[in-house]
Amino acid sequence: MILIMDIVRGLAALWVFFYHSKQIFAQSSPLLYELAKYGHLGVPMFFVISGYVIAYSAESSLSKNASPKDFLKKRFLRIYPTFWASIIVVILMPYAIEFIAMFKSGTYIQPISLLSKMSSIEWLYFVSLTKVFFSNGSNVQEQFNAINSVYWSLAIEFQFYLLVYLALHFKKHFKKILLIVTGASFLNQVLGIELSGGLFIHYWQMFACGLALAYLHKGNIYFQKIVTKHTLIISSLLNIIILISLITYIDFNLTISNFSFAVIFVLMLWIVAPFEDALVQLKRGRITKYFLELFLILGAMSYSVYLLHAKLYQIPEMFVRQIIEPSNIAYGILTIVLTIVLCAPFYYFIERSFMSKNYSKIHKNIIS
């Protein structure tokens, strides 16, 4: 599932990107604009993928009798240093925008520093991701809007890692603890207990979906083990039916909960698993590998793209608007493509520097 997970991780980042930049498609493509309106569902996709990946990582740690501290250290380095580096980029963005605008207007206007948006203590909460606990109700991202709204999900993600880290200390009871927390998350939803909106328990069910898929696969319960004939055809048809049903549901402007979408997404991942071997074959093809690697590279860069897109896209948009009208669909597409290209150096020089050796090796194998 390595290739499939990397592709869907990239698609999740792209969907979130569309969500935050949907206005650039308002004139040119009503279809893309409507699709972009549901881009917030890319976050549940990330949580599901994280649940799946972390299950394997945790089980590997248990099988090697490794210290839980090693697990936490790797997860800390995966999240925080790249997050901190992205904050620097975001803080510098207003200055870069005004500098570029100066060449057209002839005047440099000093922007308001983002550093002034919060007090020193608030910045401490912000960079530690503990600011999430000051959320009122379910609007968690409000605590991060002043700088970059997408950061809220990192706080939830790292709480998930912390829970897994704690559970790893109880080796034989690791799975039981995960089940207990899953039950508690459903109980909390039913009882409506008043807890901070920034607590992981409100989002645990989405991670649990990924955990469940991982343990299905670890138990050798694969779609292709059940459907042994015409597997790829049946897998394709089922996923097409699910997608059409989902699009029809959305077309009626009906809302879908994050958990409901996570369940649908997990079902699709379970059904699509047989395509992993087909993707491996495509990757070996002389021509097809280049097409496939575009998606694999996006998947590898997904964290960098996720962190920077909401602010960074303003720079390529400044150039694109000089040559293409907003009513042309190429306006939005080119803006997004150029933004992803701008994220590449950040991924290469920053994000990759803090990957574990095993994870870095996997990334290199995927995009080589």
Protein backbone atom coordinates (compact mmCIF):
# COMPACT_ATOMS: atom_id res chain seq x y z
CA MET A 1 0.00 0.00 0.00
CA ILE A 2 3.05 2.30 -0.04
CA LEU A 3 2.43 3.71 -3.52
CA ILE A 4 -1.33 4.01 -3.02
CA MET A 5 -0.90 5.80 0.30
CA ASP A 6 1.59 8.26 -1.18
CA ILE A 7 -0.73 9.04 -4.09
CA VAL A 8 -3.79 9.61 -1.90
CA ARG A 9 -1.69 11.69 0.52
CA GLY A 10 -0.79 13.94 -2.40
CA LEU A 11 -4.42 14.12 -3.54
CA ALA A 12 -5.48 15.05 0.00
CA ALA A 13 -2.96 17.91 0.07
CA LEU A 14 -4.13 19.04 -3.36
CA TRP A 15 -7.79 18.99 -2.30
CA VAL A 16 -7.03 21.09 0.78
CA PHE A 17 -5.08 23.45 -1.49
CA PHE A 18 -8.12 23.79 -3.77
CA TYR A 19 -10.25 24.53 -0.71
CA HIS A 20 -8.08 27.44 0.41
CA SER A 21 -7.72 28.85 -3.10
CA LYS A 22 -11.20 28.08 -4.43
CA GLN A 23 -11.85 31.71 -5.37
CA ILE A 24 -9.38 31.44 -8.26
CA PHE A 25 -11.82 29.03 -9.92
CA ALA A 26 -14.98 31.03 -9.17
CA GLN A 27 -15.09 32.54 -12.67
CA SER A 28 -13.39 29.88 -14.76
CA SER A 29 -14.77 26.55 -13.55
CA PRO A 30 -17.97 26.14 -11.50
CA LEU A 31 -17.23 22.40 -11.32
CA LEU A 32 -13.78 22.84 -9.75
CA TYR A 33 -15.14 25.57 -7.51
CA GLU A 34 -17.84 23.24 -6.17
CA LEU A 35 -15.31 20.43 -5.72
CA ALA A 36 -12.95 22.82 -3.91
CA LYS A 37 -15.70 23.78 -1.45
CA TYR A 38 -15.39 20.30 0.04
CA GLY A 39 -11.60 20.37 0.19
CA HIS A 40 -11.68 20.50 3.99
CA LEU A 41 -12.37 16.76 3.76
CA GLY A 42 -8.73 16.36 2.80
CA VAL A 43 -7.92 16.66 6.51
CA PRO A 44 -9.88 13.50 7.48
CA MET A 45 -7.98 11.79 4.66
CA PHE A 46 -4.70 12.81 6.31
CA PHE A 47 -5.90 11.55 9.70
CA VAL A 48 -6.91 8.18 8.23
CA ILE A 49 -3.58 7.82 6.42
CA SER A 50 -1.76 8.76 9.61
CA GLY A 51 -3.68 6.13 11.58
CA TYR A 52 -2.72 3.49 9.02
CA VAL A 53 0.97 4.43 8.87
CA ILE A 54 1.37 4.86 12.64
CA ALA A 55 -0.17 1.44 13.29
CA TYR A 56 2.59 -0.17 11.25
CA SER A 57 5.24 2.05 12.83
CA ALA A 58 4.05 1.23 16.35
CA GLU A 59 3.85 -2.51 15.65
CA SER A 60 7.37 -2.38 14.22
CA SER A 61 8.53 -0.67 17.41
CA LEU A 62 6.87 -3.38 19.51
CA SER A 63 8.33 -6.23 17.47
CA LYS A 64 11.84 -4.78 17.84
CA ASN A 65 11.27 -4.10 21.53
CA ALA A 66 12.36 -0.53 20.82
CA SER A 67 11.97 2.23 23.36
CA PRO A 68 8.74 4.27 23.03
CA LYS A 69 11.01 7.31 23.28
CA ASP A 70 12.50 6.42 19.90
CA PHE A 71 9.01 6.38 18.39
CA LEU A 72 8.16 9.77 19.89
CA LYS A 73 11.49 11.29 18.87
CA LYS A 74 10.91 10.30 15.24
CA ARG A 75 7.36 11.70 15.27
CA PHE A 76 8.53 14.92 16.94
CA LEU A 77 11.21 15.43 14.29
CA ARG A 78 8.68 14.64 11.57
CA ILE A 79 6.29 17.38 12.71
CA TYR A 80 7.95 20.21 14.61
CA PRO A 81 11.16 21.32 12.81
CA THR A 82 9.43 21.53 9.41
CA PHE A 83 6.47 23.28 11.06
CA TRP A 84 8.81 25.84 12.66
CA ALA A 85 10.62 26.43 9.37
CA SER A 86 7.28 27.01 7.62
CA ILE A 87 6.39 29.67 10.21
CA ILE A 88 9.49 31.63 9.16
CA VAL A 89 8.42 31.39 5.51
CA VAL A 90 4.89 32.52 6.35
CA ILE A 91 6.17 35.48 8.42
CA LEU A 92 8.36 36.60 5.49
CA MET A 93 5.56 36.23 2.93
CA PRO A 94 4.00 39.74 3.33
CA TYR A 95 7.44 41.30 2.76
CA ALA A 96 8.02 39.19 -0.35
CA ILE A 97 4.60 40.13 -1.73
CA GLU A 98 5.16 43.85 -1.18
CA PHE A 99 8.65 43.63 -2.68
CA ILE A 100 7.30 42.02 -5.86
CA ALA A 101 4.39 44.49 -6.01
CA MET A 102 6.89 47.36 -5.80
CA PHE A 103 8.14 46.62 -9.32
CA LYS A 104 4.69 47.41 -10.70
CA SER A 105 3.58 50.20 -8.36
CA GLY A 106 6.98 51.81 -7.89
CA THR A 107 6.34 52.08 -4.14
CA TYR A 108 7.26 49.69 -1.36
CA ILE A 109 4.60 49.59 1.37
CA GLN A 110 5.83 48.26 4.69
CA PRO A 111 3.51 45.38 5.69
CA ILE A 112 2.28 44.78 9.21
CA SER A 113 4.53 42.18 10.83
CA LEU A 114 2.80 38.92 11.67
CA LEU A 115 4.94 38.81 14.80
CA SER A 116 2.77 41.60 16.21
CA LYS A 117 -0.38 39.49 15.86
CA MET A 118 0.30 37.68 19.13
CA SER A 119 2.01 38.30 22.45
CA SER A 120 5.19 36.46 23.46
CA ILE A 121 3.29 33.93 25.55
CA GLU A 122 0.80 33.36 22.72
CA TRP A 123 3.70 32.71 20.37
CA LEU A 124 5.04 30.15 22.84
CA TYR A 125 1.70 28.37 22.81
CA PHE A 126 1.61 28.69 19.03
CA VAL A 127 5.02 27.16 18.24
CA SER A 128 4.41 24.35 20.74
CA LEU A 129 0.97 23.72 19.17
CA THR A 130 -0.63 23.96 22.61
CA LYS A 131 -2.62 27.00 21.50
CA VAL A 132 -5.15 24.51 20.21
CA PHE A 133 -6.38 23.96 23.78
CA PHE A 134 -7.66 27.55 23.97
CA SER A 135 -10.25 26.87 21.28
CA ASN A 136 -13.87 27.76 21.92
CA GLY A 137 -16.22 25.07 20.70
CA SER A 138 -15.43 23.18 17.51
CA ASN A 139 -13.74 26.04 15.65
CA VAL A 140 -10.22 24.85 16.43
CA GLN A 141 -8.46 26.63 13.59
CA GLU A 142 -9.42 30.07 14.95
CA GLN A 143 -6.40 29.85 17.25
CA PHE A 144 -4.11 29.67 14.22
CA ASN A 145 -5.91 31.92 11.71
CA ALA A 146 -3.74 34.96 12.45
CA ILE A 147 -0.69 33.18 11.05
CA ASN A 148 -1.75 30.13 9.04
CA SER A 149 -5.03 28.32 9.61
CA VAL A 150 -3.80 24.89 8.45
CA TYR A 151 -1.55 24.51 11.49
CA TRP A 152 -4.45 23.42 13.72
CA SER A 153 -4.41 19.86 12.37
CA LEU A 154 -0.74 19.42 13.37
CA ALA A 155 -1.75 19.92 17.00
CA ILE A 156 -4.32 17.13 16.71
CA GLU A 157 -1.86 14.93 14.84
CA PHE A 158 0.81 15.22 17.50
CA GLN A 159 -1.68 14.46 20.28
CA PHE A 160 -2.42 11.24 18.40
CA TYR A 161 1.29 10.44 18.40
CA LEU A 162 1.48 11.14 22.13
CA LEU A 163 -1.37 8.73 22.85
CA VAL A 164 0.29 6.00 20.77
CA TYR A 165 3.59 6.73 22.56
CA LEU A 166 1.91 6.25 25.96
CA ALA A 167 0.17 3.07 24.78
CA LEU A 168 3.51 1.64 23.63
CA HIS A 169 4.63 1.53 27.27
CA PHE A 170 1.95 -1.13 27.92
CA LYS A 171 3.22 -3.45 25.19
CA LYS A 172 0.88 -6.44 25.60
CA HIS A 173 -2.09 -4.16 26.11
CA PHE A 174 -1.28 -1.77 23.25
CA LYS A 175 -4.24 -2.75 21.07
CA LYS A 176 -6.60 -2.84 24.05
CA ILE A 177 -5.69 0.74 24.90
CA LEU A 178 -6.39 1.82 21.32
CA LEU A 179 -9.78 0.08 21.51
CA ILE A 180 -10.59 1.73 24.85
CA VAL A 181 -9.74 5.18 23.49
CA THR A 182 -11.84 4.47 20.39
CA GLY A 183 -14.78 3.50 22.59
CA ALA A 184 -14.26 6.62 24.71
CA SER A 185 -14.33 8.81 21.60
CA PHE A 186 -17.72 7.40 20.56
CA LEU A 187 -19.02 7.70 24.12
CA ASN A 188 -17.91 11.32 24.24
CA GLN A 189 -19.76 11.99 20.99
CA VAL A 190 -22.97 10.40 22.29
CA LEU A 191 -22.88 12.06 25.71
CA GLY A 192 -21.68 15.41 24.38
CA ILE A 193 -19.23 15.91 27.24
CA GLU A 194 -17.91 19.46 27.33
CA LEU A 195 -14.20 19.17 26.64
CA SER A 196 -11.76 21.54 24.94
CA GLY A 197 -12.38 21.55 21.19
CA GLY A 198 -8.65 21.14 20.72
CA LEU A 199 -8.47 17.70 22.34
CA PHE A 200 -7.62 14.72 20.11
CA ILE A 201 -10.61 12.74 21.41
CA HIS A 202 -12.93 14.67 19.07
CA TYR A 203 -10.92 13.49 16.05
CA TRP A 204 -9.81 10.07 17.24
CA GLN A 205 -12.47 8.22 15.25
CA MET A 206 -10.80 9.29 11.99
CA PHE A 207 -7.43 8.01 13.16
CA ALA A 208 -9.19 4.84 14.33
CA CYS A 209 -10.43 4.25 10.78
CA GLY A 210 -6.82 4.16 9.59
CA LEU A 211 -5.82 1.94 12.52
CA ALA A 212 -8.64 -0.47 11.66
CA LEU A 213 -7.53 -0.71 8.02
CA ALA A 214 -3.94 -1.36 9.10
CA TYR A 215 -4.96 -4.21 11.39
CA LEU A 216 -7.21 -5.69 8.69
CA HIS A 217 -4.20 -5.79 6.40
CA LYS A 218 -1.91 -7.08 9.14
CA GLY A 219 -4.47 -9.85 9.65
CA ASN A 220 -4.21 -10.61 5.92
CA ILE A 221 -7.81 -9.50 5.32
CA TYR A 222 -7.34 -7.95 1.91
CA PHE A 223 -10.02 -7.21 -0.67
CA GLN A 224 -8.18 -9.42 -3.19
CA LYS A 225 -8.24 -12.32 -0.73
CA ILE A 226 -12.03 -12.19 -0.68
CA VAL A 227 -12.70 -11.27 -4.31
CA THR A 228 -10.32 -13.61 -6.11
CA LYS A 229 -11.66 -13.30 -9.67
CA HIS A 230 -11.77 -10.16 -11.84
CA THR A 231 -10.42 -8.33 -8.79
CA LEU A 232 -9.26 -5.14 -10.52
CA ILE A 233 -12.47 -4.79 -12.53
CA ILE A 234 -14.71 -5.29 -9.48
CA SER A 235 -12.49 -2.98 -7.41
CA SER A 236 -12.76 -0.27 -10.08
CA LEU A 237 -16.54 -0.62 -10.40
CA LEU A 238 -17.12 -0.46 -6.64
CA ASN A 239 -14.96 2.63 -6.24
CA ILE A 240 -16.67 4.30 -9.21
CA ILE A 241 -20.07 3.59 -7.62
CA ILE A 242 -18.89 5.05 -4.30
CA LEU A 243 -17.46 8.14 -6.04
CA ILE A 244 -20.64 8.73 -8.07
CA SER A 245 -22.76 8.34 -4.93
CA LEU A 246 -20.51 10.78 -3.07
CA ILE A 247 -20.55 13.33 -5.90
CA THR A 248 -24.35 13.04 -6.19
CA TYR A 249 -24.65 13.58 -2.44
CA ILE A 250 -22.44 16.65 -2.65
CA ASP A 251 -24.30 17.91 -5.73
CA PHE A 252 -27.44 18.26 -3.59
CA ASN A 253 -25.43 20.52 -1.23
CA LEU A 254 -25.85 18.00 1.58
CA THR A 255 -23.30 18.04 4.38
CA ILE A 256 -21.19 15.04 5.27
CA SER A 257 -19.47 14.65 8.62
CA ASN A 258 -15.71 14.18 8.82
CA PHE A 259 -16.14 10.75 10.40
CA SER A 260 -18.64 9.59 7.76
CA PHE A 261 -16.24 10.65 5.05
CA ALA A 262 -13.36 8.90 6.85
CA VAL A 263 -15.36 5.65 6.85
CA ILE A 264 -16.07 6.01 3.11
CA PHE A 265 -12.42 6.81 2.44
CA VAL A 266 -11.22 3.74 4.37
CA LEU A 267 -13.67 1.54 2.47
CA MET A 268 -12.29 2.89 -0.81
CA LEU A 269 -8.70 2.29 0.33
CA TRP A 270 -9.52 -1.29 1.29
CA ILE A 271 -11.18 -1.90 -2.07
CA VAL A 272 -8.41 -0.23 -4.10
CA ALA A 273 -5.57 -2.19 -2.44
CA PRO A 274 -5.27 -4.67 -5.37
CA PHE A 275 -4.00 -1.83 -7.55
CA GLU A 276 -0.73 -1.63 -5.58
CA ASP A 277 0.82 -4.34 -7.77
CA ALA A 278 -0.45 -2.62 -10.91
CA LEU A 279 1.17 0.65 -9.79
CA VAL A 280 4.47 -1.17 -9.20
CA GLN A 281 4.32 -2.39 -12.80
CA LEU A 282 3.50 1.11 -14.07
CA LYS A 283 6.47 2.45 -12.14
CA ARG A 284 8.71 0.07 -14.06
CA GLY A 285 7.42 1.22 -17.45
CA ARG A 286 9.59 3.53 -19.53
CA ILE A 287 6.83 6.06 -20.18
CA THR A 288 4.18 5.36 -17.54
CA LYS A 289 6.66 5.80 -14.68
CA TYR A 290 7.04 9.51 -15.46
CA PHE A 291 3.28 10.09 -15.30
CA LEU A 292 3.00 8.09 -12.08
CA GLU A 293 5.94 9.85 -10.46
CA LEU A 294 4.20 13.23 -10.77
CA PHE A 295 1.64 11.95 -8.26
CA LEU A 296 4.25 10.18 -6.15
CA ILE A 297 6.37 13.33 -5.90
CA LEU A 298 3.29 15.30 -4.85
CA GLY A 299 2.62 12.65 -2.21
CA ALA A 300 6.19 12.81 -0.96
CA MET A 301 5.96 16.62 -0.76
CA SER A 302 2.46 16.66 0.71
CA TYR A 303 3.49 17.89 4.17
CA SER A 304 5.44 20.83 2.73
CA VAL A 305 2.62 21.66 0.32
CA TYR A 306 0.09 21.45 3.14
CA LEU A 307 2.08 23.80 5.39
CA LEU A 308 2.81 26.48 2.79
CA HIS A 309 0.10 26.49 0.12
CA ALA A 310 -2.44 28.77 1.81
CA LYS A 311 0.02 31.67 1.95
CA LEU A 312 2.55 30.86 -0.77
CA TYR A 313 0.08 30.70 -3.68
CA GLN A 314 -0.30 34.49 -3.58
CA ILE A 315 3.15 34.93 -5.14
CA PRO A 316 2.67 32.84 -8.31
CA GLU A 317 -0.83 34.28 -8.63
CA MET A 318 0.70 37.77 -8.88
CA PHE A 319 2.64 36.68 -11.96
CA VAL A 320 -0.10 34.52 -13.50
CA ARG A 321 -2.63 37.36 -13.43
CA GLN A 322 -0.30 39.39 -15.66
CA ILE A 323 -0.64 36.91 -18.54
CA ILE A 324 -3.92 35.04 -18.00
CA GLU A 325 -7.43 36.29 -17.24
CA PRO A 326 -9.13 34.90 -14.10
CA SER A 327 -11.97 33.70 -16.34
CA ASN A 328 -9.55 31.21 -17.95
CA ILE A 329 -9.23 27.89 -16.12
CA ALA A 330 -5.48 27.96 -16.83
CA TYR A 331 -5.26 30.87 -14.37
CA GLY A 332 -6.08 28.64 -11.40
CA ILE A 333 -4.29 25.53 -12.63
CA LEU A 334 -1.04 27.37 -13.37
CA THR A 335 -1.17 29.14 -10.00
CA ILE A 336 -1.47 25.80 -8.20
CA VAL A 337 1.25 24.11 -10.26
CA LEU A 338 3.70 26.98 -9.70
CA THR A 339 2.95 26.98 -5.97
CA ILE A 340 3.77 23.28 -5.75
CA VAL A 341 7.00 23.93 -7.65
CA LEU A 342 7.88 26.66 -5.13
CA CYS A 343 7.28 24.17 -2.30
CA ALA A 344 9.84 21.75 -3.77
CA PRO A 345 12.99 23.48 -2.40
CA PHE A 346 11.39 23.65 1.05
CA TYR A 347 10.68 19.92 0.90
CA TYR A 348 14.13 19.05 -0.40
CA PHE A 349 16.22 21.20 1.93
CA ILE A 350 14.02 21.37 5.05
CA GLU A 351 11.48 18.57 5.34
CA ARG A 352 13.74 15.77 4.06
CA SER A 353 16.46 16.82 6.52
CA PHE A 354 14.30 15.75 9.45
CA MET A 355 12.98 12.46 8.10
CA SER A 356 14.07 9.25 9.77
CA LYS A 357 16.54 7.18 7.74
CA ASN A 358 13.93 4.51 6.99
CA TYR A 359 11.28 7.04 5.98
CA SER A 360 13.77 8.97 3.86
CA LYS A 361 14.81 5.73 2.16
CA ILE A 362 11.17 4.92 1.38
CA HIS A 363 10.69 8.39 -0.13
CA LYS A 364 13.78 8.04 -2.30
CA ASN A 365 12.64 4.64 -3.53
CA ILE A 366 9.17 5.95 -4.30
CA ILE A 367 10.32 8.86 -6.46
CA SER A 368 13.31 7.19 -8.10
